[in-house]
Amino acid sequence: MMKLNVLVVCFLGVLMSTSSFAVGDIEAGRAKAAMCAGCHGKNGNSNNPVWPKLAGQHAFYVEKELHDFQNGKRKDATMAPMAAGLDGVDIENLAAFFASVPSTVEAASADKIKLGEKIYRAGKVDNGLPACIACHGPNGAGSAPARFPRIGGQHAAYLSKALKDFKAETRDNDHQAMMRDIAGRMNNKEIEAVSSYISGLH
């Protein structure tokens, strides 16, 4: 049933209009992003695999997460104070900038590709785990209209941590608990495999 619900949400999301998406100033965002470079890299491609790449991420998602850090829906001791000083225009500009720059791609671990691909493309019938591809697409690009983030090319270590946080419900800012339910249907070996596989998608 969960698998059907996810597919319905994905399908309905694609039908949404993009007219409500805010458009920030890319150059103003580039200047403001200097404060983010220490962790996320000069153009949003972090060198530390535990810090997420922001380059190429859909603007809506950067905006959502920054607002969630501000209002406490997403908790992080480092990001909360960084986001606190941003106003709405700053957030729109940062989101526009990061969306405008290309993301680098990682390489999936050879020993994790088979299981990772199976989870990503087919899910698991025995426990109702939906395929990641249903919402995030064949190359992990996600969908701005449907409000599904880009995950392809992201650091495997960061993806694994995010999924484990959702599984443990220490992160709970996902829409209708969708990611908590999905991550909860995977064991740690499956999480690490699918995270590695996603890191090589582009």
Protein backbone atom coordinates (compact mmCIF):
# COMPACT_ATOMS: atom_id res chain seq x y z
CA MET A 1 0.00 0.00 0.00
CA MET A 2 2.86 2.36 0.87
CA LYS A 3 4.41 1.72 -2.55
CA LEU A 4 1.13 2.69 -4.26
CA ASN A 5 0.81 5.81 -2.11
CA VAL A 6 4.33 6.93 -3.01
CA LEU A 7 3.66 6.42 -6.71
CA VAL A 8 0.42 8.40 -6.48
CA VAL A 9 2.17 11.26 -4.67
CA CYS A 10 4.94 11.26 -7.28
CA PHE A 11 2.44 11.29 -10.15
CA LEU A 12 0.33 14.07 -8.67
CA GLY A 13 3.42 16.11 -7.90
CA VAL A 14 4.48 16.07 -11.53
CA LEU A 15 1.18 17.72 -12.41
CA MET A 16 1.84 20.68 -10.15
CA SER A 17 2.46 24.07 -11.72
CA THR A 18 5.90 25.64 -11.41
CA SER A 19 4.41 29.15 -11.41
CA SER A 20 4.63 29.40 -7.61
CA PHE A 21 8.42 28.89 -7.50
CA ALA A 22 10.33 31.94 -6.37
CA VAL A 23 13.21 33.11 -8.52
CA GLY A 24 16.16 34.61 -6.70
CA ASP A 25 19.10 36.69 -7.89
CA ILE A 26 21.90 34.31 -8.88
CA GLU A 27 24.71 36.85 -8.59
CA ALA A 28 23.53 38.06 -5.19
CA GLY A 29 23.33 34.43 -4.16
CA ARG A 30 26.88 33.81 -5.41
CA ALA A 31 28.16 36.62 -3.17
CA LYS A 32 26.17 35.41 -0.17
CA ALA A 33 27.36 31.83 -0.72
CA ALA A 34 30.87 32.85 0.37
CA MET A 35 29.68 32.15 3.92
CA CYS A 36 28.78 28.58 2.89
CA ALA A 37 32.03 27.77 1.07
CA GLY A 38 33.94 26.57 4.14
CA CYS A 39 31.76 23.47 4.36
CA HIS A 40 29.90 23.23 1.05
CA GLY A 41 32.71 24.31 -1.30
CA LYS A 42 33.18 27.41 -3.45
CA ASN A 43 30.44 26.39 -5.89
CA GLY A 44 28.45 24.10 -3.65
CA ASN A 45 30.52 20.97 -4.27
CA SER A 46 31.79 20.01 -0.82
CA ASN A 47 35.04 18.12 -0.45
CA ASN A 48 34.06 16.48 2.83
CA PRO A 49 31.73 13.53 2.09
CA VAL A 50 29.69 14.06 5.26
CA TRP A 51 28.67 17.56 4.14
CA PRO A 52 26.14 17.66 1.30
CA LYS A 53 26.73 19.07 -2.13
CA LEU A 54 24.35 21.95 -2.81
CA ALA A 55 25.41 22.49 -6.42
CA GLY A 56 22.68 21.63 -8.90
CA GLN A 57 20.07 21.19 -6.18
CA HIS A 58 16.56 22.39 -6.99
CA ALA A 59 15.98 25.88 -5.58
CA PHE A 60 12.77 24.87 -3.79
CA TYR A 61 14.67 22.26 -1.76
CA VAL A 62 17.46 24.58 -0.64
CA GLU A 63 14.81 27.09 0.40
CA LYS A 64 12.77 24.49 2.29
CA GLU A 65 15.74 23.10 4.19
CA LEU A 66 17.04 26.54 5.17
CA HIS A 67 13.60 27.53 6.45
CA ASP A 68 13.40 24.21 8.31
CA PHE A 69 16.74 24.93 10.00
CA GLN A 70 15.43 28.37 10.96
CA ASN A 71 12.18 27.18 12.50
CA GLY A 72 13.58 24.04 14.12
CA LYS A 73 11.83 21.50 11.89
CA ARG A 74 15.29 20.23 10.99
CA LYS A 75 17.90 20.25 13.73
CA ASP A 76 21.63 20.67 13.23
CA ALA A 77 24.00 22.45 15.59
CA THR A 78 26.06 23.88 12.74
CA MET A 79 23.32 24.82 10.28
CA ALA A 80 20.84 26.36 12.73
CA PRO A 81 22.99 29.41 13.55
CA MET A 82 24.10 29.75 9.92
CA ALA A 83 20.50 29.86 8.72
CA ALA A 84 19.30 32.08 11.56
CA GLY A 85 20.87 35.20 10.08
CA LEU A 86 19.32 34.81 6.64
CA ASP A 87 16.21 36.66 5.54
CA GLY A 88 13.77 35.47 2.89
CA VAL A 89 15.56 37.25 0.06
CA ASP A 90 18.93 35.82 1.10
CA ILE A 91 17.44 32.33 1.04
CA GLU A 92 15.88 32.80 -2.40
CA ASN A 93 19.16 34.15 -3.76
CA LEU A 94 21.25 31.33 -2.30
CA ALA A 95 18.80 28.77 -3.67
CA ALA A 96 18.92 30.33 -7.14
CA PHE A 97 22.72 30.34 -7.12
CA PHE A 98 23.17 26.74 -6.01
CA ALA A 99 20.57 25.59 -8.54
CA SER A 100 22.53 27.33 -11.30
CA VAL A 101 25.92 25.65 -10.80
CA PRO A 102 26.77 22.09 -11.92
CA SER A 103 27.28 19.31 -9.44
CA THR A 104 30.20 16.92 -9.56
CA VAL A 105 29.58 13.17 -9.63
CA GLU A 106 31.03 10.50 -7.37
CA ALA A 107 31.85 6.88 -8.21
CA ALA A 108 29.78 4.07 -6.73
CA SER A 109 31.67 1.29 -4.94
CA ALA A 110 31.83 -1.74 -7.23
CA ASP A 111 30.82 -4.13 -4.46
CA LYS A 112 27.66 -2.13 -3.71
CA ILE A 113 26.35 -1.50 -7.22
CA LYS A 114 24.30 -4.69 -7.67
CA LEU A 115 22.29 -4.37 -4.45
CA GLY A 116 22.13 -0.57 -4.69
CA GLU A 117 20.75 -0.68 -8.22
CA LYS A 118 18.16 -3.28 -7.24
CA ILE A 119 16.86 -1.14 -4.37
CA TYR A 120 16.95 2.08 -6.41
CA ARG A 121 15.23 0.69 -9.51
CA ALA A 122 12.94 -2.01 -8.13
CA GLY A 123 12.52 -1.54 -4.39
CA LYS A 124 11.58 -4.65 -2.39
CA VAL A 125 8.36 -6.52 -2.98
CA ASP A 126 8.48 -8.50 0.26
CA ASN A 127 8.14 -5.48 2.54
CA GLY A 128 6.56 -2.89 0.24
CA LEU A 129 9.67 -0.75 -0.21
CA PRO A 130 9.04 1.46 -3.26
CA ALA A 131 11.75 2.03 -5.85
CA CYS A 132 13.67 5.29 -5.38
CA ILE A 133 13.41 5.87 -9.13
CA ALA A 134 9.67 6.49 -8.78
CA CYS A 135 10.25 9.90 -7.23
CA HIS A 136 13.90 10.72 -7.88
CA GLY A 137 14.04 9.62 -11.53
CA PRO A 138 16.39 7.35 -13.48
CA ASN A 139 19.45 9.56 -12.92
CA GLY A 140 18.59 10.91 -9.48
CA ALA A 141 17.65 14.36 -10.78
CA GLY A 142 14.42 14.50 -8.78
CA SER A 143 11.68 16.88 -9.91
CA ALA A 144 11.24 20.55 -9.11
CA PRO A 145 7.50 20.61 -9.94
CA ALA A 146 6.92 17.52 -7.79
CA ARG A 147 9.24 18.86 -5.07
CA PHE A 148 11.53 15.86 -5.01
CA PRO A 149 15.21 16.80 -4.50
CA ARG A 150 18.15 15.94 -6.70
CA ILE A 151 20.14 13.12 -5.11
CA GLY A 152 22.24 11.79 -8.02
CA GLY A 153 25.96 12.49 -7.56
CA GLN A 154 25.57 13.31 -3.87
CA HIS A 155 28.19 12.00 -1.45
CA ALA A 156 27.38 8.42 -0.41
CA ALA A 157 28.36 9.14 3.19
CA TYR A 158 25.92 12.03 3.39
CA LEU A 159 23.10 10.06 1.75
CA SER A 160 23.69 7.14 4.12
CA LYS A 161 23.61 9.43 7.15
CA ALA A 162 20.41 11.11 5.94
CA LEU A 163 18.67 7.76 5.41
CA LYS A 164 19.82 6.45 8.78
CA ASP A 165 18.60 9.65 10.45
CA PHE A 166 15.20 9.20 8.79
CA LYS A 167 15.19 5.53 9.82
CA ALA A 168 15.92 6.49 13.44
CA GLU A 169 13.44 9.38 13.15
CA THR A 170 16.04 11.81 14.46
CA ARG A 171 15.29 13.69 11.24
CA ASP A 172 11.59 14.21 10.68
CA ASN A 173 11.14 17.11 8.28
CA ASP A 174 10.10 14.88 5.38
CA HIS A 175 6.68 15.37 3.75
CA GLN A 176 4.05 13.09 5.31
CA ALA A 177 6.81 10.95 6.89
CA MET A 178 7.51 9.50 3.45
CA MET A 179 11.27 9.16 3.86
CA ARG A 180 10.99 7.88 7.42
CA ASP A 181 8.74 5.09 6.20
CA ILE A 182 11.00 4.26 3.25
CA ALA A 183 14.24 4.29 5.24
CA GLY A 184 12.56 2.23 7.94
CA ARG A 185 12.04 -0.57 5.42
CA MET A 186 15.79 -0.85 4.69
CA ASN A 187 18.54 -2.39 6.76
CA ASN A 188 21.90 -0.65 7.10
CA LYS A 189 23.53 -2.77 4.39
CA GLU A 190 20.80 -1.78 1.93
CA ILE A 191 21.06 1.88 2.94
CA GLU A 192 24.81 1.90 2.35
CA ALA A 193 24.45 0.10 -0.99
CA VAL A 194 21.74 2.36 -2.39
CA SER A 195 23.59 5.46 -1.13
CA SER A 196 26.72 4.36 -2.97
CA TYR A 197 24.75 3.62 -6.13
CA ILE A 198 23.03 7.02 -6.04
CA SER A 199 26.37 8.79 -5.66
CA GLY A 200 27.37 7.57 -9.12
CA LEU A 201 24.15 8.62 -10.87
CA HIS A 202 24.23 11.56 -13.26
